[in-house]
């Protein structure tokens, strides 16, 4: 039964589902629908796909994650960043909007799902650690800017550029600006203002009206649907698509999704796997981050490895029925939570309502201006830019600031995928660089206590002829030469040193290079009359040392604590 619950988290909560939870779930599912429909259609266009691809992806993702996901509140479906990554990965293989392009996007989503399941099979939920906060922040900020810049042509009514790079788009806008469509620009700007007003000012007005906080939140978060409905009414009754050449969504097939997957070849996998792996990492990072934040507010938790299954199934389901890669949506999850959703029944209701919309109401979306979708995308992307977080990054840690800057510039200049890879590479290079020169402190006893602190920071008691050193890092190939050089230089500078005490409180492991360094250091020190001792060696490290010849041959001692070491060495010196 426990295995069944791990494989199908829905089994864990559905049997105990209460009737009183159904009402809140229905309301939440309905409210989320109002933001889901315009967003998923917008993100489908952002990914270079037809509107129905976004609707299909949303339906199957919501159903799949509800059954296999560990979060009771996460809303899964198309998102801006994943849509942008899909566009970049797939546009290299086919022309956006073509049938071949759709097939490649479907295959990409399927491979993303398979990769997520494989990562779960090897318990690789820690994959999120490969993307540091600085890399993730730089990537998301640059991707948001990239998304916004790429929506400008649609907002002002000019054709799309040949590539998505910022400089290419800016140059294209400059060349085509003279051909802008004034009515399209008016609609786009009006939608941006409306969305901004609902997000920034409408809440204040509604508070004065005496509405409850829940209803205020629902009304403000449903702003994308207001823009959609108003624009459709204007275009339909004014025939603006014909009179002023406003680009509209057009016909959306009013049919249920059917299986559109026609298999994978080895060549397909070779072409898509690198991009799919990066997308899978971002899907996992984005979704677990959102899920964890919302779960903490409800005093719940999510299981990262189980999330890999839920997200993997969601992506496979979406791709099998004509969708593209999906992830947890921040905006829709927050709306789901604030609207009172109790379980994933809310997502199932949203999925059913999307199906209803697809079958009965898609003709109404024929007159939806594409500039409105661009406005929705722009306002969603703006939410991804966290100025306060960026300021903290630059103020707190120089290494993170460098990593953020390189990632940010790489994404803008070279594209999303290259930017992520460069960001990860830079973060590893800087990590290795910092680890190669660990902090080393010469320590002494703090005022007769059993505590030992840096002699440069505190007035401490030291022992004559004893150099007590704390290395704040594990001993491995990256830093062994630096540590050895530091200790030998200390001995060279002070002829009175007879004992070196290496305090290993921060040493979590020692590799073969570290062991070799200890052996050579012990021998070299012995030749000049200095004995090497160790203190506070952790259990797992001690277990490894006991198996080595170094442990059997070393002349010095390994002390349980630094205090015991100081007391013992004091007796040695006095005797």
Foldseek 3Di string as FASTA:
>chain_A
DVVVCLQWVCVVPVVVDDPVQVVLLLLLLVLLLLVQQLQLQLLCVLLLHASVQSLLLQLLLLVLLQGQFQFFQFRKGRDNLLSNLNNVLQCVPDPRPDPVSLQLQLVLLLLLLVVLVVCLVVPNLVLLVLQDPLLVLLLLLLSLVLLLLQLVCLQFPHDGFPDSFNVRSVVVCVVCVVVTQPVSNVLLVVLLVQLCCLVPPQLVVVVVVVDDPLVSLSVSLSSLSVSQVVQLVCCVVVVCCVVRVFAASAADQLDRFDFDHDDDDPVSCVSNVLSSVVSSSVQLNVAQVLSQVLQVVVVHHGDSSSNSNSQSSSSNSSSRRRYGRMHGDNSSSVSSVSSRNDGSVSSNSSSVVSNVCSNPPRVSRRSGGSSSSSSSSSVSSVVSNDPVVLVCQVVPDVLSVVLSVQLNCCCNHPNSSRSSVRSSVSNVVVVLVDQQQFDKAFWAADPPDQDIDGVVVDPHDDDWLETEMETQEAAEDSHLVVVLVVVVVVCVVDVSHQEYEYEDQNHPEHDPSRVVSLQVSQVVSVVSRHAYEYECDDDVRVVVVVVDVCNVPGPYYYYDHVSVVVVVVVVVVVD
